[in-house]
């Protein structure tokens, strides 16, 4: 079901629905969600989340439902390059 987003609150551009992959942290744990309906401004790229979608993402993160797959990622601290 397509969601209507109206116009961008930032620039006034047209906001259209896209299905995106989101990496979000809940309760100190990183979760990856695929095919998330998100409004995206065609002018400035601003993303708009509907409250029901955000609530469902949190519900999924807290649930014990089976995961699609597990990913392993590398984590590093950012260290600025030394000046040349």
PDB file of N, CA and C in Angstrom:
ATOM      1  N   UNK A   1       0.836  -1.175   0.000  1.00  0.00           N
ATOM      2  CA  UNK A   1       0.000   0.000   0.000  1.00  0.00           C
ATOM      3  C   UNK A   1       0.886   1.246   0.000  1.00  0.00           C
ATOM      4  N   UNK A   2       0.717   2.082  -1.005  1.00  0.00           N
ATOM      5  CA  UNK A   2       1.482   3.326  -1.097  1.00  0.00           C
ATOM      6  C   UNK A   2       0.970   4.325  -0.070  1.00  0.00           C
ATOM      7  N   UNK A   3       1.893   5.036   0.552  1.00  0.00           N
ATOM      8  CA  UNK A   3       1.568   6.048   1.550  1.00  0.00           C
ATOM      9  C   UNK A   3       1.695   7.411   0.890  1.00  0.00           C
ATOM     10  N   UNK A   4       0.815   8.346   1.228  1.00  0.00           N
ATOM     11  CA  UNK A   4       0.892   9.712   0.729  1.00  0.00           C
ATOM     12  C   UNK A   4       1.686  10.548   1.722  1.00  0.00           C
ATOM     13  N   UNK A   5       2.664  11.281   1.230  1.00  0.00           N
ATOM     14  CA  UNK A   5       3.550  12.069   2.087  1.00  0.00           C
ATOM     15  C   UNK A   5       3.364  13.572   1.948  1.00  0.00           C
ATOM     16  N   UNK A   6       2.747  14.025   0.886  1.00  0.00           N
ATOM     17  CA  UNK A   6       2.589  15.464   0.683  1.00  0.00           C
ATOM     18  C   UNK A   6       3.891  16.073   0.191  1.00  0.00           C
ATOM     19  N   UNK A   7       4.111  17.347   0.549  1.00  0.00           N
ATOM     20  CA  UNK A   7       5.333  18.005   0.092  1.00  0.00           C
ATOM     21  C   UNK A   7       6.380  18.031   1.205  1.00  0.00           C
ATOM     22  N   UNK A   8       7.620  18.223   0.798  1.00  0.00           N
ATOM     23  CA  UNK A   8       8.751  18.242   1.719  1.00  0.00           C
ATOM     24  C   UNK A   8       8.644  19.418   2.685  1.00  0.00           C
ATOM     25  N   UNK A   9       8.763  19.151   3.967  1.00  0.00           N
ATOM     26  CA  UNK A   9       8.727  20.201   4.967  1.00  0.00           C
ATOM     27  C   UNK A   9       9.979  21.063   4.962  1.00  0.00           C
ATOM     28  N   UNK A  10      11.016  20.595   4.297  1.00  0.00           N
ATOM     29  CA  UNK A  10      12.285  21.325   4.254  1.00  0.00           C
ATOM     30  C   UNK A  10      12.349  22.284   3.066  1.00  0.00           C
ATOM     31  N   UNK A  11      12.050  21.763   1.848  1.00  0.00           N
ATOM     32  CA  UNK A  11      12.210  22.607   0.651  1.00  0.00           C
ATOM     33  C   UNK A  11      10.922  22.789  -0.146  1.00  0.00           C
ATOM     34  N   UNK A  12       9.862  22.041   0.216  1.00  0.00           N
ATOM     35  CA  UNK A  12       8.604  22.156  -0.519  1.00  0.00           C
ATOM     36  C   UNK A  12       8.516  21.269  -1.745  1.00  0.00           C
ATOM     37  N   UNK A  13       9.547  20.448  -1.997  1.00  0.00           N
ATOM     38  CA  UNK A  13       9.551  19.554  -3.153  1.00  0.00           C
ATOM     39  C   UNK A  13       8.571  18.404  -2.999  1.00  0.00           C
ATOM     40  N   UNK A  14       8.436  17.625  -4.044  1.00  0.00           N
ATOM     41  CA  UNK A  14       7.533  16.476  -4.050  1.00  0.00           C
ATOM     42  C   UNK A  14       8.185  15.310  -3.299  1.00  0.00           C
ATOM     43  N   UNK A  15       7.440  14.690  -2.396  1.00  0.00           N
ATOM     44  CA  UNK A  15       7.931  13.537  -1.642  1.00  0.00           C
ATOM     45  C   UNK A  15       7.247  12.288  -2.179  1.00  0.00           C
ATOM     46  N   UNK A  16       8.049  11.320  -2.612  1.00  0.00           N
ATOM     47  CA  UNK A  16       7.518  10.068  -3.152  1.00  0.00           C
ATOM     48  C   UNK A  16       8.035   8.897  -2.312  1.00  0.00           C
ATOM     49  N   UNK A  17       7.258   7.842  -2.314  1.00  0.00           N
ATOM     50  CA  UNK A  17       7.637   6.669  -1.526  1.00  0.00           C
ATOM     51  C   UNK A  17       8.707   5.852  -2.243  1.00  0.00           C
ATOM     52  N   UNK A  18       9.689   5.420  -1.463  1.00  0.00           N
ATOM     53  CA  UNK A  18      10.755   4.527  -1.927  1.00  0.00           C
ATOM     54  C   UNK A  18      10.870   3.403  -0.909  1.00  0.00           C
ATOM     55  N   UNK A  19      11.308   2.245  -1.348  1.00  0.00           N
ATOM     56  CA  UNK A  19      11.599   1.151  -0.429  1.00  0.00           C
ATOM     57  C   UNK A  19      13.106   1.150  -0.206  1.00  0.00           C
ATOM     58  N   UNK A  20      13.520   1.428   1.031  1.00  0.00           N
ATOM     59  CA  UNK A  20      14.935   1.572   1.349  1.00  0.00           C
ATOM     60  C   UNK A  20      15.394   0.527   2.349  1.00  0.00           C
ATOM     61  N   UNK A  21      16.700   0.330   2.410  1.00  0.00           N
ATOM     62  CA  UNK A  21      17.327  -0.484   3.446  1.00  0.00           C
ATOM     63  C   UNK A  21      17.792   0.469   4.532  1.00  0.00           C
ATOM     64  N   UNK A  22      17.415   0.187   5.767  1.00  0.00           N
ATOM     65  CA  UNK A  22      17.727   1.058   6.899  1.00  0.00           C
ATOM     66  C   UNK A  22      18.538   0.288   7.931  1.00  0.00           C
ATOM     67  N   UNK A  23      19.597   0.909   8.433  1.00  0.00           N
ATOM     68  CA  UNK A  23      20.362   0.382   9.559  1.00  0.00           C
ATOM     69  C   UNK A  23      20.043   1.269  10.749  1.00  0.00           C
ATOM     70  N   UNK A  24      19.394   0.704  11.755  1.00  0.00           N
ATOM     71  CA  UNK A  24      18.954   1.466  12.916  1.00  0.00           C
ATOM     72  C   UNK A  24      19.382   0.775  14.197  1.00  0.00           C
ATOM     73  N   UNK A  25      19.660   1.588  15.216  1.00  0.00           N
ATOM     74  CA  UNK A  25      20.052   1.045  16.518  1.00  0.00           C
ATOM     75  C   UNK A  25      18.883   1.154  17.489  1.00  0.00           C
ATOM     76  N   UNK A  26      18.557   0.033  18.120  1.00  0.00           N
ATOM     77  CA  UNK A  26      17.542  -0.023  19.159  1.00  0.00           C
ATOM     78  C   UNK A  26      18.141  -0.716  20.357  1.00  0.00           C
ATOM     79  N   UNK A  27      18.038  -0.103  21.504  1.00  0.00           N
ATOM     80  CA  UNK A  27      18.518  -0.696  22.763  1.00  0.00           C
ATOM     81  C   UNK A  27      19.964  -1.170  22.650  1.00  0.00           C
ATOM     82  N   UNK A  28      20.804  -0.384  21.980  1.00  0.00           N
ATOM     83  CA  UNK A  28      22.222  -0.711  21.878  1.00  0.00           C
ATOM     84  C   UNK A  28      22.561  -1.799  20.878  1.00  0.00           C
ATOM     85  N   UNK A  29      21.595  -2.238  20.087  1.00  0.00           N
ATOM     86  CA  UNK A  29      21.843  -3.278  19.078  1.00  0.00           C
ATOM     87  C   UNK A  29      21.508  -2.739  17.698  1.00  0.00           C
ATOM     88  N   UNK A  30      22.373  -3.048  16.743  1.00  0.00           N
ATOM     89  CA  UNK A  30      22.180  -2.593  15.374  1.00  0.00           C
ATOM     90  C   UNK A  30      21.273  -3.577  14.632  1.00  0.00           C
ATOM     91  N   UNK A  31      20.274  -3.040  13.941  1.00  0.00           N
ATOM     92  CA  UNK A  31      19.341  -3.850  13.163  1.00  0.00           C
ATOM     93  C   UNK A  31      19.310  -3.324  11.734  1.00  0.00           C
ATOM     94  N   UNK A  32      19.195  -4.240  10.779  1.00  0.00           N
ATOM     95  CA  UNK A  32      19.082  -3.860   9.369  1.00  0.00           C
ATOM     96  C   UNK A  32      17.691  -4.270   8.907  1.00  0.00           C
ATOM     97  N   UNK A  33      16.975  -3.317   8.337  1.00  0.00           N
ATOM     98  CA  UNK A  33      15.637  -3.566   7.819  1.00  0.00           C
ATOM     99  C   UNK A  33      15.653  -3.307   6.324  1.00  0.00           C
ATOM    100  N   UNK A  34      15.092  -4.216   5.566  1.00  0.00           N
ATOM    101  CA  UNK A  34      15.038  -4.070   4.119  1.00  0.00           C
ATOM    102  C   UNK A  34      13.602  -3.806   3.684  1.00  0.00           C
ATOM    103  N   UNK A  35      13.444  -3.124   2.563  1.00  0.00           N
ATOM    104  CA  UNK A  35      12.133  -2.827   1.977  1.00  0.00           C
ATOM    105  C   UNK A  35      11.255  -1.971   2.889  1.00  0.00           C
ATOM    106  N   UNK A  36      11.867  -0.965   3.527  1.00  0.00           N
ATOM    107  CA  UNK A  36      11.142  -0.056   4.417  1.00  0.00           C
ATOM    108  C   UNK A  36      10.534   1.075   3.579  1.00  0.00           C
ATOM    109  N   UNK A  37       9.206   1.300   3.674  1.00  0.00           N
ATOM    110  CA  UNK A  37       8.602   2.409   2.930  1.00  0.00           C
ATOM    111  C   UNK A  37       8.959   3.747   3.577  1.00  0.00           C
ATOM    112  N   UNK A  38       9.657   4.580   2.811  1.00  0.00           N
ATOM    113  CA  UNK A  38      10.132   5.874   3.306  1.00  0.00           C
ATOM    114  C   UNK A  38       9.830   6.918   2.244  1.00  0.00           C
ATOM    115  N   UNK A  39       9.356   8.084   2.675  1.00  0.00           N
ATOM    116  CA  UNK A  39       9.161   9.184   1.743  1.00  0.00           C
ATOM    117  C   UNK A  39      10.502   9.846   1.468  1.00  0.00           C
ATOM    118  N   UNK A  40      10.762  10.156   0.205  1.00  0.00           N
ATOM    119  CA  UNK A  40      12.035  10.786  -0.170  1.00  0.00           C
ATOM    120  C   UNK A  40      11.740  11.964  -1.084  1.00  0.00           C
ATOM    121  N   UNK A  41      12.259  13.145  -0.720  1.00  0.00           N
ATOM    122  CA  UNK A  41      12.044  14.340  -1.528  1.00  0.00           C
ATOM    123  C   UNK A  41      12.825  14.226  -2.830  1.00  0.00           C
ATOM    124  N   UNK A  42      12.144  14.512  -3.940  1.00  0.00           N
ATOM    125  CA  UNK A  42      12.797  14.436  -5.251  1.00  0.00           C
ATOM    126  C   UNK A  42      13.727  15.619  -5.491  1.00  0.00           C
ATOM    127  N   UNK A  43      13.611  16.673  -4.676  1.00  0.00           N
ATOM    128  CA  UNK A  43      14.444  17.862  -4.849  1.00  0.00           C
ATOM    129  C   UNK A  43      15.693  17.837  -3.966  1.00  0.00           C
ATOM    130  N   UNK A  44      15.503  17.640  -2.652  1.00  0.00           N
ATOM    131  CA  UNK A  44      16.636  17.758  -1.722  1.00  0.00           C
ATOM    132  C   UNK A  44      17.062  16.423  -1.090  1.00  0.00           C
ATOM    133  N   UNK A  45      16.272  15.365  -1.281  1.00  0.00           N
ATOM    134  CA  UNK A  45      16.642  14.061  -0.747  1.00  0.00           C
ATOM    135  C   UNK A  45      16.217  13.823   0.697  1.00  0.00           C
ATOM    136  N   UNK A  46      15.569  14.795   1.327  1.00  0.00           N
ATOM    137  CA  UNK A  46      15.103  14.635   2.709  1.00  0.00           C
ATOM    138  C   UNK A  46      14.218  13.391   2.824  1.00  0.00           C
ATOM    139  N   UNK A  47      14.417  12.632   3.920  1.00  0.00           N
ATOM    140  CA  UNK A  47      13.624  11.422   4.149  1.00  0.00           C
ATOM    141  C   UNK A  47      12.521  11.714   5.156  1.00  0.00           C
ATOM    142  N   UNK A  48      11.350  11.121   4.912  1.00  0.00           N
ATOM    143  CA  UNK A  48      10.194  11.310   5.777  1.00  0.00           C
ATOM    144  C   UNK A  48       9.687   9.933   6.199  1.00  0.00           C
ATOM    145  N   UNK A  49       9.595   9.726   7.518  1.00  0.00           N
ATOM    146  CA  UNK A  49       9.084   8.468   8.053  1.00  0.00           C
ATOM    147  C   UNK A  49       7.703   8.700   8.628  1.00  0.00           C
ATOM    148  N   UNK A  50       6.773   7.842   8.311  1.00  0.00           N
ATOM    149  CA  UNK A  50       5.460   7.889   8.944  1.00  0.00           C
ATOM    150  C   UNK A  50       5.575   7.232  10.313  1.00  0.00           C
ATOM    151  N   UNK A  51       4.794   7.716  11.272  1.00  0.00           N
ATOM    152  CA  UNK A  51       4.849   7.207  12.646  1.00  0.00           C
ATOM    153  C   UNK A  51       4.569   5.706  12.698  1.00  0.00           C
ATOM    154  N   UNK A  52       3.622   5.227  11.907  1.00  0.00           N
ATOM    155  CA  UNK A  52       3.281   3.800  11.928  1.00  0.00           C
ATOM    156  C   UNK A  52       4.457   2.939  11.465  1.00  0.00           C
ATOM    157  N   UNK A  53       5.227   3.436  10.502  1.00  0.00           N
ATOM    158  CA  UNK A  53       6.397   2.694  10.016  1.00  0.00           C
ATOM    159  C   UNK A  53       7.470   2.656  11.099  1.00  0.00           C
ATOM    160  N   UNK A  54       7.744   3.797  11.730  1.00  0.00           N
ATOM    161  CA  UNK A  54       8.747   3.849  12.798  1.00  0.00           C
ATOM    162  C   UNK A  54       8.347   2.940  13.956  1.00  0.00           C
ATOM    163  N   UNK A  55       7.075   2.931  14.304  1.00  0.00           N
ATOM    164  CA  UNK A  55       6.583   2.074  15.391  1.00  0.00           C
ATOM    165  C   UNK A  55       6.760   0.596  15.042  1.00  0.00           C
ATOM    166  N   UNK A  56       6.470   0.237  13.788  1.00  0.00           N
ATOM    167  CA  UNK A  56       6.627  -1.163  13.358  1.00  0.00           C
ATOM    168  C   UNK A  56       8.101  -1.571  13.353  1.00  0.00           C
ATOM    169  N   UNK A  57       9.008  -0.674  12.954  1.00  0.00           N
ATOM    170  CA  UNK A  57      10.441  -0.990  12.992  1.00  0.00           C
ATOM    171  C   UNK A  57      10.884  -1.289  14.420  1.00  0.00           C
ATOM    172  N   UNK A  58      10.425  -0.478  15.361  1.00  0.00           N
ATOM    173  CA  UNK A  58      10.773  -0.717  16.761  1.00  0.00           C
ATOM    174  C   UNK A  58      10.186  -2.033  17.254  1.00  0.00           C
ATOM    175  N   UNK A  59       8.954  -2.315  16.872  1.00  0.00           N
ATOM    176  CA  UNK A  59       8.325  -3.589  17.259  1.00  0.00           C
ATOM    177  C   UNK A  59       9.127  -4.776  16.713  1.00  0.00           C
ATOM    178  N   UNK A  60       9.519  -4.698  15.450  1.00  0.00           N
ATOM    179  CA  UNK A  60      10.297  -5.783  14.839  1.00  0.00           C
ATOM    180  C   UNK A  60      11.646  -5.955  15.530  1.00  0.00           C
ATOM    181  N   UNK A  61      12.281  -4.838  15.893  1.00  0.00           N
ATOM    182  CA  UNK A  61      13.583  -4.911  16.558  1.00  0.00           C
ATOM    183  C   UNK A  61      13.472  -5.573  17.922  1.00  0.00           C
ATOM    184  N   UNK A  62      12.369  -5.347  18.613  1.00  0.00           N
ATOM    185  CA  UNK A  62      12.182  -5.902  19.956  1.00  0.00           C
ATOM    186  C   UNK A  62      11.630  -7.325  19.945  1.00  0.00           C
ATOM    187  N   UNK A  63      11.080  -7.750  18.819  1.00  0.00           N
ATOM    188  CA  UNK A  63      10.438  -9.068  18.763  1.00  0.00           C
ATOM    189  C   UNK A  63      11.472 -10.184  18.663  1.00  0.00           C
ATOM    190  N   UNK A  64      11.006 -11.357  18.899  1.00  0.00           N
ATOM    191  CA  UNK A  64      11.853 -12.544  18.777  1.00  0.00           C
ATOM    192  C   UNK A  64      11.556 -13.305  17.484  1.00  0.00           C
ATOM    193  N   UNK A  65      10.978 -12.611  16.525  1.00  0.00           N
ATOM    194  CA  UNK A  65      10.667 -13.255  15.254  1.00  0.00           C
ATOM    195  C   UNK A  65      11.958 -13.641  14.539  1.00  0.00           C
ATOM    196  N   UNK A  66      11.897 -14.664  13.703  1.00  0.00           N
ATOM    197  CA  UNK A  66      13.107 -15.117  13.004  1.00  0.00           C
ATOM    198  C   UNK A  66      13.699 -14.017  12.129  1.00  0.00           C
ATOM    199  N   UNK A  67      15.019 -13.968  12.069  1.00  0.00           N
ATOM    200  CA  UNK A  67      15.696 -12.991  11.216  1.00  0.00           C
ATOM    201  C   UNK A  67      15.900 -13.586   9.828  1.00  0.00           C
ATOM    202  N   UNK A  68      15.969 -12.746   8.826  1.00  0.00           N
ATOM    203  CA  UNK A  68      16.157 -13.179   7.443  1.00  0.00           C
ATOM    204  C   UNK A  68      17.553 -13.760   7.243  1.00  0.00           C
ATOM    205  N   UNK A  69      18.564 -13.070   7.787  1.00  0.00           N
ATOM    206  CA  UNK A  69      19.944 -13.531   7.738  1.00  0.00           C
ATOM    207  C   UNK A  69      20.756 -12.700   8.723  1.00  0.00           C
ATOM    208  N   UNK A  70      21.943 -13.141   9.050  1.00  0.00           N
ATOM    209  CA  UNK A  70      22.833 -12.402   9.944  1.00  0.00           C
ATOM    210  C   UNK A  70      24.005 -11.870   9.134  1.00  0.00           C
ATOM    211  N   UNK A  71      24.463 -10.674   9.497  1.00  0.00           N
ATOM    212  CA  UNK A  71      25.596 -10.040   8.836  1.00  0.00           C
ATOM    213  C   UNK A  71      26.702  -9.805   9.848  1.00  0.00           C
ATOM    214  N   UNK A  72      27.933  -9.862   9.390  1.00  0.00           N
ATOM    215  CA  UNK A  72      29.084  -9.518  10.220  1.00  0.00           C
ATOM    216  C   UNK A  72      29.699  -8.256   9.631  1.00  0.00           C
ATOM    217  N   UNK A  73      29.966  -7.267  10.486  1.00  0.00           N
ATOM    218  CA  UNK A  73      30.562  -6.025   9.998  1.00  0.00           C
ATOM    219  C   UNK A  73      31.815  -5.699  10.798  1.00  0.00           C
ATOM    220  N   UNK A  74      32.699  -4.957  10.180  1.00  0.00           N
ATOM    221  CA  UNK A  74      33.896  -4.474  10.859  1.00  0.00           C
ATOM    222  C   UNK A  74      33.590  -3.103  11.454  1.00  0.00           C
ATOM    223  N   UNK A  75      34.101  -2.840  12.647  1.00  0.00           N
ATOM    224  CA  UNK A  75      33.891  -1.557  13.308  1.00  0.00           C
ATOM    225  C   UNK A  75      35.249  -0.980  13.669  1.00  0.00           C
ATOM    226  N   UNK A  76      35.466   0.264  13.282  1.00  0.00           N
ATOM    227  CA  UNK A  76      36.723   0.942  13.591  1.00  0.00           C
ATOM    228  C   UNK A  76      36.417   2.340  14.103  1.00  0.00           C
ATOM    229  N   UNK A  77      37.316   2.878  14.914  1.00  0.00           N
ATOM    230  CA  UNK A  77      37.243   4.273  15.312  1.00  0.00           C
ATOM    231  C   UNK A  77      37.788   5.125  14.180  1.00  0.00           C
ATOM    232  N   UNK A  78      37.230   6.291  14.004  1.00  0.00           N
ATOM    233  CA  UNK A  78      37.751   7.238  13.033  1.00  0.00           C
ATOM    234  C   UNK A  78      39.013   7.870  13.609  1.00  0.00           C
ATOM    235  N   UNK A  79      40.066   7.871  12.816  1.00  0.00           N
ATOM    236  CA  UNK A  79      41.323   8.521  13.195  1.00  0.00           C
ATOM    237  C   UNK A  79      41.652   9.482  12.064  1.00  0.00           C
ATOM    238  N   UNK A  80      41.737  10.799  12.373  1.00  0.00           N
ATOM    239  CA  UNK A  80      42.019  11.757  11.306  1.00  0.00           C
ATOM    240  C   UNK A  80      43.408  11.512  10.712  1.00  0.00           C
ATOM    241  N   UNK A  81      43.513  11.745   9.407  1.00  0.00           N
ATOM    242  CA  UNK A  81      44.795  11.610   8.728  1.00  0.00           C
ATOM    243  C   UNK A  81      45.740  12.697   9.224  1.00  0.00           C
ATOM    244  N   UNK A  82      47.009  12.359   9.333  1.00  0.00           N
ATOM    245  CA  UNK A  82      47.984  13.370   9.736  1.00  0.00           C
ATOM    246  C   UNK A  82      48.178  14.361   8.604  1.00  0.00           C
ATOM    247  N   UNK A  83      48.413  15.617   8.980  1.00  0.00           N
ATOM    248  CA  UNK A  83      48.615  16.667   7.966  1.00  0.00           C
ATOM    249  C   UNK A  83      49.885  16.400   7.182  1.00  0.00           C
ATOM    250  N   UNK A  84      49.823  16.649   5.905  1.00  0.00           N
ATOM    251  CA  UNK A  84      50.996  16.420   5.037  1.00  0.00           C
ATOM    252  C   UNK A  84      51.959  17.572   5.071  1.00  0.00           C
TER     253      UNK A  84
END
